N, C-alpha and C. Protein backbone atom coordinates (compact mmCIF):
# COMPACT_ATOMS: atom_id res chain seq x y z
N UNK A 1 207.13 55.21 98.58
CA UNK A 1 208.06 55.33 99.68
C UNK A 1 208.59 56.76 99.79
N UNK A 2 208.77 57.42 98.67
CA UNK A 2 209.25 58.80 98.71
C UNK A 2 208.10 59.79 98.60
N UNK A 3 206.94 59.38 99.07
CA UNK A 3 205.78 60.26 99.06
C UNK A 3 205.18 60.31 100.48
N UNK A 4 205.93 60.83 101.46
CA UNK A 4 205.44 60.83 102.84
C UNK A 4 204.39 61.91 103.05
N UNK A 5 203.56 61.70 104.03
CA UNK A 5 202.55 62.70 104.38
C UNK A 5 203.23 63.87 105.10
N UNK A 6 202.51 64.96 105.18
CA UNK A 6 203.05 66.15 105.85
C UNK A 6 203.36 65.86 107.31
N UNK A 7 202.48 65.08 107.95
CA UNK A 7 202.69 64.73 109.36
C UNK A 7 203.96 63.90 109.54
N UNK A 8 204.19 62.96 108.64
CA UNK A 8 205.40 62.14 108.72
C UNK A 8 206.65 62.99 108.50
N UNK A 9 206.60 63.91 107.58
CA UNK A 9 207.75 64.78 107.32
C UNK A 9 208.07 65.62 108.55
N UNK A 10 207.04 66.19 109.17
CA UNK A 10 207.27 67.00 110.37
C UNK A 10 207.81 66.14 111.49
N UNK A 11 207.26 64.94 111.66
CA UNK A 11 207.74 64.04 112.71
C UNK A 11 209.20 63.66 112.50
N UNK A 12 209.55 63.31 111.25
CA UNK A 12 210.94 62.94 110.97
C UNK A 12 211.89 64.11 111.15
N UNK A 13 211.45 65.30 110.78
CA UNK A 13 212.29 66.48 110.98
C UNK A 13 212.54 66.73 112.47
N UNK A 14 211.51 66.54 113.29
CA UNK A 14 211.68 66.71 114.74
C UNK A 14 212.60 65.64 115.32
N UNK A 15 212.48 64.40 114.84
CA UNK A 15 213.36 63.33 115.31
C UNK A 15 214.80 63.62 114.89
N UNK A 16 214.99 64.12 113.66
CA UNK A 16 216.34 64.46 113.21
C UNK A 16 216.93 65.59 114.05
N UNK A 17 216.11 66.57 114.36
CA UNK A 17 216.58 67.68 115.20
C UNK A 17 216.93 67.19 116.60
N UNK A 18 216.09 66.33 117.16
CA UNK A 18 216.37 65.78 118.48
C UNK A 18 217.64 64.94 118.46
N UNK A 19 217.84 64.14 117.41
CA UNK A 19 219.06 63.34 117.30
C UNK A 19 220.29 64.22 117.19
N UNK A 20 220.17 65.32 116.47
CA UNK A 20 221.30 66.24 116.35
C UNK A 20 221.62 66.88 117.69
N UNK A 21 220.59 67.33 118.39
CA UNK A 21 220.81 67.96 119.70
C UNK A 21 221.39 66.95 120.69
N UNK A 22 220.83 65.75 120.72
CA UNK A 22 221.37 64.74 121.62
C UNK A 22 222.79 64.33 121.22
N UNK A 23 223.05 64.31 119.93
CA UNK A 23 224.39 63.99 119.48
C UNK A 23 225.41 65.02 119.90
N UNK A 24 224.99 66.28 119.93
CA UNK A 24 225.90 67.34 120.35
C UNK A 24 226.04 67.41 121.87
N UNK A 25 224.97 67.09 122.59
CA UNK A 25 224.96 67.32 124.03
C UNK A 25 225.39 66.13 124.87
N UNK A 26 225.40 64.93 124.30
CA UNK A 26 225.68 63.75 125.12
C UNK A 26 226.79 62.91 124.50
N UNK A 27 227.06 61.81 125.17
CA UNK A 27 228.09 60.89 124.69
C UNK A 27 227.55 59.95 123.61
N UNK A 28 226.30 60.13 123.22
CA UNK A 28 225.69 59.29 122.19
C UNK A 28 225.97 59.90 120.82
N UNK A 29 226.91 60.80 120.74
CA UNK A 29 227.19 61.61 119.57
C UNK A 29 227.11 60.94 118.22
N UNK A 30 227.82 59.85 118.03
CA UNK A 30 227.86 59.21 116.72
C UNK A 30 226.49 58.71 116.29
N UNK A 31 225.75 58.13 117.21
CA UNK A 31 224.42 57.62 116.87
C UNK A 31 223.46 58.76 116.57
N UNK A 32 223.52 59.81 117.34
CA UNK A 32 222.65 60.97 117.09
C UNK A 32 222.95 61.62 115.75
N UNK A 33 224.23 61.81 115.47
CA UNK A 33 224.63 62.42 114.20
C UNK A 33 224.24 61.55 113.02
N UNK A 34 224.49 60.24 113.12
CA UNK A 34 224.20 59.37 111.98
C UNK A 34 222.70 59.24 111.75
N UNK A 35 221.91 59.15 112.80
CA UNK A 35 220.46 59.09 112.64
C UNK A 35 219.94 60.38 112.03
N UNK A 36 220.42 61.51 112.52
CA UNK A 36 219.99 62.80 111.97
C UNK A 36 220.39 62.92 110.50
N UNK A 37 221.58 62.48 110.15
CA UNK A 37 222.04 62.56 108.75
C UNK A 37 221.20 61.68 107.84
N UNK A 38 220.87 60.47 108.28
CA UNK A 38 220.04 59.58 107.47
C UNK A 38 218.64 60.14 107.27
N UNK A 39 218.06 60.70 108.32
CA UNK A 39 216.73 61.28 108.20
C UNK A 39 216.73 62.50 107.28
N UNK A 40 217.77 63.31 107.37
CA UNK A 40 217.86 64.49 106.50
C UNK A 40 218.03 64.05 105.04
N UNK A 41 218.82 63.02 104.80
CA UNK A 41 218.97 62.52 103.43
C UNK A 41 217.64 62.01 102.88
N UNK A 42 216.88 61.29 103.70
CA UNK A 42 215.57 60.80 103.26
C UNK A 42 214.62 61.96 102.96
N UNK A 43 214.59 62.95 103.86
CA UNK A 43 213.71 64.09 103.64
C UNK A 43 214.12 64.89 102.40
N UNK A 44 215.42 64.99 102.15
CA UNK A 44 215.88 65.69 100.95
C UNK A 44 215.47 64.94 99.69
N UNK A 45 215.61 63.62 99.70
CA UNK A 45 215.21 62.83 98.54
C UNK A 45 213.70 62.92 98.31
N UNK A 46 212.94 62.86 99.37
CA UNK A 46 211.49 62.98 99.24
C UNK A 46 211.10 64.37 98.73
N UNK A 47 211.77 65.39 99.21
CA UNK A 47 211.49 66.75 98.74
C UNK A 47 211.84 66.95 97.28
N UNK A 48 212.97 66.38 96.86
CA UNK A 48 213.36 66.51 95.46
C UNK A 48 212.40 65.78 94.53
N UNK A 49 211.93 64.61 94.94
CA UNK A 49 210.97 63.91 94.10
C UNK A 49 209.64 64.65 94.05
N UNK A 50 209.29 65.31 95.16
CA UNK A 50 208.06 66.10 95.18
C UNK A 50 208.17 67.30 94.23
N UNK A 51 209.31 67.93 94.20
CA UNK A 51 209.51 69.08 93.32
C UNK A 51 209.60 68.67 91.86
N UNK A 52 210.15 67.49 91.59
CA UNK A 52 210.32 67.03 90.23
C UNK A 52 209.03 66.49 89.63
N UNK A 53 208.09 66.09 90.50
CA UNK A 53 206.83 65.54 90.03
C UNK A 53 205.97 66.65 89.42
N UNK A 54 205.37 66.41 88.25
CA UNK A 54 204.52 67.44 87.66
C UNK A 54 203.28 67.69 88.53
N UNK A 55 202.86 68.92 88.56
CA UNK A 55 201.72 69.30 89.38
C UNK A 55 200.42 68.79 88.73
N UNK A 56 199.54 68.28 89.57
CA UNK A 56 198.26 67.77 89.08
C UNK A 56 197.14 68.77 89.33
N UNK A 57 197.45 69.91 89.90
CA UNK A 57 196.44 70.92 90.17
C UNK A 57 196.11 71.67 88.89
N UNK A 58 194.85 71.99 88.76
CA UNK A 58 194.42 72.77 87.59
C UNK A 58 194.33 74.24 87.98
N UNK A 59 194.70 75.12 87.08
CA UNK A 59 194.59 76.54 87.40
C UNK A 59 193.13 76.96 87.58
N UNK A 60 192.91 77.90 88.46
CA UNK A 60 191.54 78.35 88.76
C UNK A 60 190.95 79.22 87.68
């Protein structure tokens, strides 16, 4: 679950950015902010687990 593909990460980041912009620009503020915050928390957790995972690549 915390191992998303690069495409999913980019898509979620764009959705979070859109939610933030819509939250700032419209009356949907609370929903936009909360959706953006949840997506950012998920992306941060996925990024931290990716950094904490030992690398499986072998040196050249």
